[in-house]
N, C-alpha and C. Protein backbone atom coordinates (compact mmCIF):
# COMPACT_ATOMS: atom_id res chain seq x y z
N MET A 1 0.84 -1.34 -0.07
CA MET A 1 -0.06 0.01 0.01
C MET A 1 0.72 1.40 -0.01
N GLU A 2 0.64 2.22 -0.73
CA GLU A 2 1.33 3.35 -1.02
C GLU A 2 0.73 4.68 0.13
N SER A 3 1.75 5.22 0.48
CA SER A 3 1.18 6.17 1.54
C SER A 3 1.36 7.36 0.54
N GLN A 4 0.45 8.18 0.97
CA GLN A 4 0.38 9.40 -0.10
C GLN A 4 0.73 10.35 0.49
N THR A 5 2.01 11.18 0.16
CA THR A 5 2.08 12.60 1.01
C THR A 5 1.81 13.59 0.24
N PRO A 6 1.36 14.60 0.69
CA PRO A 6 0.98 16.02 -0.10
C PRO A 6 2.35 16.55 -0.72
N GLN A 7 2.06 16.95 -1.77
CA GLN A 7 3.44 17.58 -2.48
C GLN A 7 3.14 19.07 -2.62
N VAL A 8 3.95 19.88 -2.07
CA VAL A 8 3.96 21.29 -1.93
C VAL A 8 4.66 21.98 -3.34
N THR A 9 3.59 22.54 -4.29
CA THR A 9 4.02 23.23 -5.15
C THR A 9 4.11 24.96 -5.11
N GLU A 10 4.81 25.53 -5.78
CA GLU A 10 5.00 26.72 -5.76
C GLU A 10 3.98 27.63 -6.54
N THR A 11 3.21 28.58 -6.11
CA THR A 11 2.13 28.89 -6.64
C THR A 11 2.90 30.48 -7.49
N PRO A 12 2.54 30.70 -8.36
CA PRO A 12 2.69 32.37 -8.60
C PRO A 12 2.03 33.40 -7.63
N ASN A 13 2.69 34.43 -7.75
CA ASN A 13 2.24 35.56 -6.60
C ASN A 13 1.67 36.44 -7.56
N PRO A 14 0.49 36.46 -7.91
CA PRO A 14 0.00 37.58 -8.72
C PRO A 14 -0.19 39.00 -7.94
N ALA A 15 -0.40 38.80 -6.69
CA ALA A 15 -0.74 40.11 -5.93
C ALA A 15 0.30 40.49 -5.53
N ASN A 16 1.40 40.23 -5.76
CA ASN A 16 2.75 40.79 -5.43
C ASN A 16 3.27 40.96 -3.96
N LEU A 17 2.43 39.76 -3.26
CA LEU A 17 2.42 40.01 -1.65
C LEU A 17 4.05 39.43 -1.26
N SER A 18 4.37 39.91 -0.05
CA SER A 18 5.74 39.58 0.37
C SER A 18 5.35 38.36 1.24
N SER A 19 6.61 37.42 1.11
CA SER A 19 6.30 36.34 2.19
C SER A 19 7.51 36.56 2.99
N GLU A 20 8.30 37.52 3.19
CA GLU A 20 9.64 37.30 3.84
C GLU A 20 8.84 37.75 5.26
N SER A 21 8.10 38.61 5.37
CA SER A 21 7.64 38.91 6.77
C SER A 21 6.03 38.81 6.97
N PRO A 22 5.40 38.16 7.60
CA PRO A 22 4.09 37.96 7.62
C PRO A 22 3.20 39.44 7.83
N GLY A 23 1.99 39.72 7.21
CA GLY A 23 1.29 41.00 7.50
C GLY A 23 1.71 42.11 6.76
N LYS A 24 3.09 42.14 6.08
CA LYS A 24 3.38 43.11 5.39
C LYS A 24 3.03 42.89 3.74
N LEU A 25 2.96 44.09 3.19
CA LEU A 25 2.57 44.02 1.48
C LEU A 25 3.91 44.32 1.15
N ALA A 26 4.09 43.89 -0.26
CA ALA A 26 5.33 44.29 -0.96
C ALA A 26 5.05 45.80 -1.38
N ALA A 27 6.21 46.22 -1.92
CA ALA A 27 6.00 47.71 -2.26
C ALA A 27 5.07 47.76 -3.69
N PRO A 28 4.18 48.30 -3.78
CA PRO A 28 3.21 48.48 -4.95
C PRO A 28 4.01 48.98 -6.30
N PRO A 29 3.66 48.21 -7.33
CA PRO A 29 4.05 48.65 -8.52
C PRO A 29 4.49 49.98 -9.02
N LYS A 30 5.56 50.35 -9.63
CA LYS A 30 5.35 51.80 -9.93
C LYS A 30 4.27 52.21 -10.92
N ARG A 31 3.60 53.44 -10.73
CA ARG A 31 2.75 53.77 -11.90
C ARG A 31 3.25 54.06 -13.01
N THR A 32 2.50 53.85 -13.83
CA THR A 32 2.99 54.29 -15.32
C THR A 32 2.25 55.52 -15.57
N VAL A 33 2.57 56.32 -16.78
CA VAL A 33 1.91 57.51 -16.93
C VAL A 33 0.25 57.08 -17.50
N ALA A 34 0.01 55.94 -18.29
CA ALA A 34 -1.19 55.47 -18.40
C ALA A 34 -2.22 55.55 -17.43
N GLY A 35 -1.41 54.88 -16.17
CA GLY A 35 -2.26 54.71 -15.06
C GLY A 35 -2.63 56.20 -14.28
N GLN A 36 -1.88 56.95 -14.58
CA GLN A 36 -1.93 58.16 -13.67
C GLN A 36 -2.85 58.86 -14.40
N GLN A 37 -2.94 58.87 -15.93
CA GLN A 37 -3.84 59.39 -16.62
C GLN A 37 -5.62 58.76 -16.07
N VAL A 38 -5.54 57.56 -16.05
CA VAL A 38 -6.75 56.79 -15.90
C VAL A 38 -7.15 57.44 -14.74
N GLN A 39 -6.24 57.21 -13.43
CA GLN A 39 -6.63 57.78 -12.29
C GLN A 39 -7.31 59.36 -12.15
N GLU A 40 -6.35 60.36 -13.09
CA GLU A 40 -6.98 61.38 -13.08
C GLU A 40 -8.42 61.50 -13.76
N ALA A 41 -8.46 60.79 -14.92
CA ALA A 41 -9.62 60.95 -15.37
C ALA A 41 -11.20 60.40 -14.46
N LEU A 42 -10.77 59.11 -13.53
CA LEU A 42 -11.81 58.60 -12.64
C LEU A 42 -11.74 59.39 -11.67
N ALA A 43 -11.08 60.69 -11.09
CA ALA A 43 -10.99 61.10 -9.92
C ALA A 43 -12.64 61.84 -9.93
N PRO A 44 -13.08 62.60 -10.78
CA PRO A 44 -14.14 63.37 -10.63
C PRO A 44 -15.56 62.42 -10.71
N VAL A 45 -15.38 61.05 -11.22
CA VAL A 45 -16.11 60.25 -11.23
C VAL A 45 -16.50 59.59 -9.85
N LEU A 46 -15.25 59.31 -9.18
CA LEU A 46 -15.39 58.79 -8.07
C LEU A 46 -15.95 59.97 -6.82
N ASP A 47 -15.73 61.15 -7.05
CA ASP A 47 -16.16 62.42 -6.16
C ASP A 47 -17.72 62.46 -6.47
N PHE A 48 -18.05 62.21 -7.74
CA PHE A 48 -19.42 62.46 -7.78
C PHE A 48 -20.32 61.21 -7.04
N LEU A 49 -19.88 60.14 -7.16
CA LEU A 49 -20.22 58.90 -6.43
C LEU A 49 -20.08 58.92 -5.03
N ASN A 50 -19.21 59.32 -4.63
CA ASN A 50 -18.77 59.46 -3.04
C ASN A 50 -20.17 60.88 -2.54
N LYS A 51 -20.38 61.76 -3.41
CA LYS A 51 -21.09 62.56 -3.11
C LYS A 51 -22.73 62.38 -3.16
N LEU A 52 -22.99 61.22 -4.02
CA LEU A 52 -24.37 60.92 -4.40
C LEU A 52 -25.37 60.43 -3.34
N PRO A 53 -25.00 59.89 -2.23
CA PRO A 53 -26.05 59.59 -1.16
C PRO A 53 -26.25 60.83 -0.62
N GLU A 54 -25.34 61.80 -0.38
CA GLU A 54 -25.77 62.86 0.37
C GLU A 54 -26.68 64.03 -0.35
N ASP A 55 -26.32 63.65 -1.62
CA ASP A 55 -27.23 64.84 -2.61
C ASP A 55 -28.73 64.13 -2.77
N ILE A 56 -28.77 62.75 -2.74
CA ILE A 56 -29.87 62.30 -2.95
C ILE A 56 -30.58 62.31 -1.51
N ALA A 57 -30.18 62.27 -0.34
CA ALA A 57 -30.63 62.61 0.59
C ALA A 57 -31.19 64.10 0.87
N SER A 58 -30.59 64.90 0.64
CA SER A 58 -31.03 66.23 0.59
C SER A 58 -32.07 66.42 -0.43
N PHE A 59 -31.89 65.85 -1.64
CA PHE A 59 -33.17 65.95 -2.59
C PHE A 59 -34.35 65.29 -1.90
N VAL A 60 -34.30 64.72 -1.33
CA VAL A 60 -35.63 63.83 -0.70
C VAL A 60 -35.90 64.67 0.46
N SER A 61 -35.11 65.05 1.21
CA SER A 61 -35.90 65.78 2.17
C SER A 61 -36.05 67.17 1.61
N ALA A 62 -35.62 67.84 0.62
CA ALA A 62 -36.13 69.08 0.32
C ALA A 62 -37.62 68.91 -0.46
N TYR A 63 -37.74 67.78 -1.06
CA TYR A 63 -38.91 67.40 -1.91
C TYR A 63 -39.85 66.28 -1.51
N GLN A 64 -39.80 66.21 0.20
CA GLN A 64 -40.52 65.04 0.34
C GLN A 64 -41.95 64.91 0.07
N LYS A 65 -42.77 66.00 0.06
CA LYS A 65 -44.22 65.78 0.00
C LYS A 65 -44.66 65.90 -1.54
N PRO A 66 -43.67 66.42 -2.51
CA PRO A 66 -44.03 66.31 -3.87
C PRO A 66 -43.73 64.75 -4.32
N LEU A 67 -42.56 64.33 -3.79
CA LEU A 67 -42.41 62.66 -4.15
C LEU A 67 -43.19 62.01 -3.30
N LEU A 68 -43.87 62.03 -2.57
CA LEU A 68 -44.74 60.92 -1.74
C LEU A 68 -46.16 61.33 -2.65
N TYR A 69 -46.50 62.20 -3.26
CA TYR A 69 -47.53 62.61 -3.95
C TYR A 69 -47.33 61.72 -5.26
N ILE A 70 -46.00 61.60 -5.78
CA ILE A 70 -46.01 60.95 -7.07
C ILE A 70 -45.81 59.36 -6.86
N VAL A 71 -45.19 58.95 -5.51
CA VAL A 71 -45.40 57.58 -5.35
C VAL A 71 -46.75 57.19 -5.07
N LEU A 72 -47.62 58.02 -4.54
CA LEU A 72 -49.10 57.72 -4.41
C LEU A 72 -49.56 57.54 -5.61
N PHE A 73 -49.44 58.63 -6.58
CA PHE A 73 -50.37 58.62 -7.74
C PHE A 73 -49.50 57.25 -8.58
N ILE A 74 -48.58 56.81 -8.69
CA ILE A 74 -48.16 55.71 -9.29
C ILE A 74 -48.74 54.34 -8.65
N ALA A 75 -48.64 54.45 -7.35
CA ALA A 75 -49.61 53.48 -6.60
C ALA A 75 -51.02 53.21 -6.84
N ALA A 76 -51.47 54.43 -7.02
CA ALA A 76 -52.79 54.26 -7.41
C ALA A 76 -53.16 53.93 -9.08
N LEU A 77 -52.03 54.04 -9.75
CA LEU A 77 -52.26 53.60 -11.18
C LEU A 77 -52.26 52.24 -11.19
N VAL A 78 -51.09 51.81 -10.36
CA VAL A 78 -50.92 50.11 -10.50
C VAL A 78 -52.02 49.71 -9.70
N THR A 79 -52.84 50.12 -8.64
CA THR A 79 -53.83 49.31 -8.22
C THR A 79 -54.74 49.53 -9.35
N ILE A 80 -55.14 50.45 -9.87
CA ILE A 80 -56.28 50.47 -10.97
C ILE A 80 -56.24 49.27 -11.74
N ARG A 81 -54.88 49.56 -12.45
CA ARG A 81 -54.39 48.21 -13.35
C ARG A 81 -54.76 47.15 -12.87
N ILE A 82 -54.36 46.60 -11.59
CA ILE A 82 -54.79 45.39 -11.09
C ILE A 82 -56.22 45.01 -10.66
N ILE A 83 -57.02 45.92 -10.38
CA ILE A 83 -58.49 45.91 -10.34
C ILE A 83 -58.91 45.47 -11.67
N LEU A 84 -58.53 46.38 -12.65
CA LEU A 84 -59.09 46.07 -14.00
C LEU A 84 -58.95 44.88 -14.64
N ALA A 85 -57.66 44.29 -14.35
CA ALA A 85 -57.14 42.73 -14.77
C ALA A 85 -57.89 42.07 -13.97
N VAL A 86 -58.33 41.82 -12.74
CA VAL A 86 -59.02 41.15 -11.92
C VAL A 86 -60.34 41.35 -12.33
N LEU A 87 -60.99 42.36 -12.57
CA LEU A 87 -62.31 42.22 -13.02
C LEU A 87 -62.57 41.93 -14.85
N GLY A 88 -61.55 42.05 -15.16
CA GLY A 88 -61.61 41.20 -16.64
C GLY A 88 -61.47 39.83 -16.51
N ALA A 89 -60.74 39.54 -15.74
CA ALA A 89 -60.75 38.02 -15.41
C ALA A 89 -62.00 37.32 -15.17
N VAL A 90 -62.37 38.20 -13.95
CA VAL A 90 -63.84 37.56 -13.48
C VAL A 90 -65.10 37.53 -14.57
N ASP A 91 -64.82 38.68 -15.23
CA ASP A 91 -65.73 38.85 -16.28
C ASP A 91 -65.90 37.73 -17.31
N GLY A 92 -64.65 37.16 -17.58
CA GLY A 92 -64.71 36.04 -18.51
C GLY A 92 -65.06 34.89 -17.80
N ILE A 93 -65.44 34.85 -16.53
CA ILE A 93 -66.06 33.42 -16.25
C ILE A 93 -67.53 33.54 -16.72
N PRO A 94 -68.01 32.78 -17.45
CA PRO A 94 -69.26 32.46 -18.13
C PRO A 94 -70.51 32.98 -17.14
N LEU A 95 -70.67 32.36 -15.77
CA LEU A 95 -71.96 32.63 -15.33
C LEU A 95 -71.83 33.85 -14.07
N LEU A 96 -70.48 33.86 -13.73
CA LEU A 96 -70.26 34.88 -12.80
C LEU A 96 -70.82 36.11 -13.04
N SER A 97 -70.93 36.98 -14.17
CA SER A 97 -71.23 38.14 -14.51
C SER A 97 -72.82 38.35 -14.20
N PRO A 98 -73.35 37.52 -15.17
CA PRO A 98 -74.94 37.71 -14.54
C PRO A 98 -75.06 37.41 -13.27
N VAL A 99 -74.64 36.65 -12.40
CA VAL A 99 -74.97 36.55 -11.12
C VAL A 99 -74.52 37.65 -9.91
N PHE A 100 -73.50 38.45 -10.70
CA PHE A 100 -73.12 39.57 -10.07
C PHE A 100 -74.18 40.65 -10.16
N GLU A 101 -74.85 40.67 -11.44
CA GLU A 101 -75.76 41.43 -11.68
C GLU A 101 -76.89 41.50 -11.02
N LEU A 102 -77.58 40.05 -10.73
CA LEU A 102 -78.47 39.76 -10.31
C LEU A 102 -78.37 40.26 -8.50
N VAL A 103 -77.24 40.03 -8.00
CA VAL A 103 -76.71 40.48 -6.64
C VAL A 103 -77.03 41.83 -6.38
N GLY A 104 -76.32 42.66 -7.47
CA GLY A 104 -76.61 43.87 -7.24
C GLY A 104 -77.91 44.64 -7.46
N LEU A 105 -78.55 43.90 -8.41
CA LEU A 105 -80.13 44.12 -8.42
C LEU A 105 -80.93 43.88 -7.30
N GLY A 106 -80.87 42.92 -6.35
CA GLY A 106 -81.45 42.04 -5.50
C GLY A 106 -80.89 43.23 -4.24
N TYR A 107 -79.54 43.80 -3.76
CA TYR A 107 -78.94 44.51 -3.09
C TYR A 107 -80.00 45.99 -3.24
N THR A 108 -79.87 46.47 -4.37
CA THR A 108 -80.47 47.85 -4.90
C THR A 108 -82.13 47.69 -4.14
N GLY A 109 -82.64 46.73 -4.82
CA GLY A 109 -84.14 46.81 -3.91
C GLY A 109 -84.12 46.50 -2.71
N TRP A 110 -83.47 45.96 -1.92
CA TRP A 110 -83.56 45.74 -0.73
C TRP A 110 -83.16 47.45 0.02
N PHE A 111 -82.06 47.98 -0.23
CA PHE A 111 -81.79 49.52 0.14
C PHE A 111 -82.81 50.41 -0.24
N VAL A 112 -83.68 50.32 -1.27
CA VAL A 112 -84.62 51.11 -1.71
C VAL A 112 -85.94 50.74 -0.39
N TYR A 113 -86.22 49.53 -0.29
CA TYR A 113 -87.21 49.14 0.70
C TYR A 113 -86.71 49.52 1.82
N ARG A 114 -85.61 49.20 2.31
CA ARG A 114 -85.03 49.50 3.89
C ARG A 114 -85.19 50.95 4.28
N TYR A 115 -84.71 51.76 3.14
CA TYR A 115 -84.40 53.18 3.56
C TYR A 115 -85.01 54.09 3.07
N LEU A 116 -85.50 54.09 1.65
CA LEU A 116 -85.94 55.19 1.01
C LEU A 116 -87.94 55.03 0.74
N LEU A 117 -88.32 54.02 1.06
CA LEU A 117 -89.66 53.95 1.01
C LEU A 117 -90.63 54.95 1.96
N LYS A 118 -89.95 54.91 3.20
CA LYS A 118 -91.04 55.35 4.18
C LYS A 118 -90.08 56.65 4.89
N GLU A 119 -90.82 57.54 5.10
CA GLU A 119 -90.25 59.04 5.92
C GLU A 119 -89.32 58.46 6.92
N ASP A 120 -89.83 57.90 7.98
CA ASP A 120 -89.14 57.67 9.32
C ASP A 120 -87.68 56.72 9.01
N SER A 121 -87.86 55.76 7.92
CA SER A 121 -86.51 55.20 7.66
C SER A 121 -85.69 56.20 6.96
N ARG A 122 -86.12 57.25 6.09
CA ARG A 122 -85.38 58.36 5.26
C ARG A 122 -84.46 59.05 6.26
N GLN A 123 -85.35 59.31 7.55
CA GLN A 123 -84.79 60.06 8.58
C GLN A 123 -83.55 59.34 9.24
N GLU A 124 -83.52 57.86 9.60
CA GLU A 124 -82.80 57.27 9.99
C GLU A 124 -81.89 57.15 9.07
N LEU A 125 -81.69 56.87 7.89
CA LEU A 125 -80.44 57.03 6.87
C LEU A 125 -79.63 58.35 7.27
N GLY A 126 -80.67 59.59 7.27
CA GLY A 126 -79.97 60.92 7.37
C GLY A 126 -79.23 60.84 8.61
N GLN A 127 -79.72 60.49 9.75
CA GLN A 127 -79.02 60.13 10.72
C GLN A 127 -77.60 59.65 11.10
N GLU A 128 -77.75 58.11 10.22
CA GLU A 128 -76.48 57.57 10.06
C GLU A 128 -75.47 58.16 9.25
N PHE A 129 -76.16 58.96 8.32
CA PHE A 129 -75.09 59.66 7.32
C PHE A 129 -74.33 60.76 8.03
N GLN A 130 -75.07 61.69 8.99
CA GLN A 130 -74.69 62.44 9.69
C GLN A 130 -73.49 62.21 10.62
N SER A 131 -73.95 60.96 11.53
CA SER A 131 -73.21 60.33 12.20
C SER A 131 -71.77 59.93 11.66
N LEU A 132 -71.83 59.19 10.63
CA LEU A 132 -70.64 58.53 9.71
C LEU A 132 -69.75 60.03 9.43
N LYS A 133 -70.38 61.02 8.91
CA LYS A 133 -69.65 62.28 8.36
C LYS A 133 -68.89 62.71 9.43
N SER A 134 -69.86 62.73 11.05
CA SER A 134 -68.87 63.44 12.04
C SER A 134 -67.99 62.53 12.49
N GLN A 135 -67.93 61.19 12.08
CA GLN A 135 -66.87 60.47 12.59
C GLN A 135 -65.68 60.61 11.53
N VAL A 136 -65.99 60.63 10.42
CA VAL A 136 -65.01 60.75 9.64
C VAL A 136 -63.94 62.31 9.47
N LEU A 137 -64.82 63.31 9.45
CA LEU A 137 -64.44 64.68 9.35
C LEU A 137 -64.16 65.09 10.88
N GLY A 138 -64.35 64.32 12.08
CA GLY A 138 -64.00 64.70 13.32
C GLY A 138 -64.60 66.02 13.78
N ARG A 139 -65.99 66.17 13.71
CA ARG A 139 -66.34 67.31 14.03
C ARG A 139 -67.88 66.98 14.76
N ASP A 140 -67.98 67.98 15.63
CA ASP A 140 -69.57 67.76 16.05
C ASP A 140 -70.59 67.99 15.18
N PRO A 141 -71.51 67.12 15.23
CA PRO A 141 -72.62 67.19 14.15
C PRO A 141 -73.32 68.20 14.13
N SER A 142 -73.39 68.87 15.64
CA SER A 142 -74.25 70.15 15.55
C SER A 142 -73.93 71.18 14.85
N ASN A 143 -72.68 71.40 14.61
CA ASN A 143 -71.93 72.55 13.97
C ASN A 143 -71.98 72.37 12.54
N LEU A 144 -72.23 71.21 12.01
CA LEU A 144 -72.16 71.22 10.66
C LEU A 144 -73.46 71.63 10.01
């Protein structure tokens, strides 16, 4: 049976690391003229990228309300598109659309019978509406 011993191989040193003393790097290679030109060209770009988070933060703090309105408007548009897609899908189901129409007609008939036919039920509906209005607006109903 042969015993396998690990073989130590020399690997190239692409990072130019010094192995004489641990923890120290070898001296960096000398810069060429082309390398200096590239760094000089990249300096404004790096400065811009370093200042970008601060600029964005100041922009957002300065225009917080308009940005909020824009985000809410976009969210409303997306919501409307989703609702229309769902309604289109539901409308495509053969018997569901007529059933919804019957339910709507039935509810309308019940509402008319319950709240609009008699005077006392109309007054009750008016009181409920005023109560809801005062809850939503947060005002005293006597001042409205």
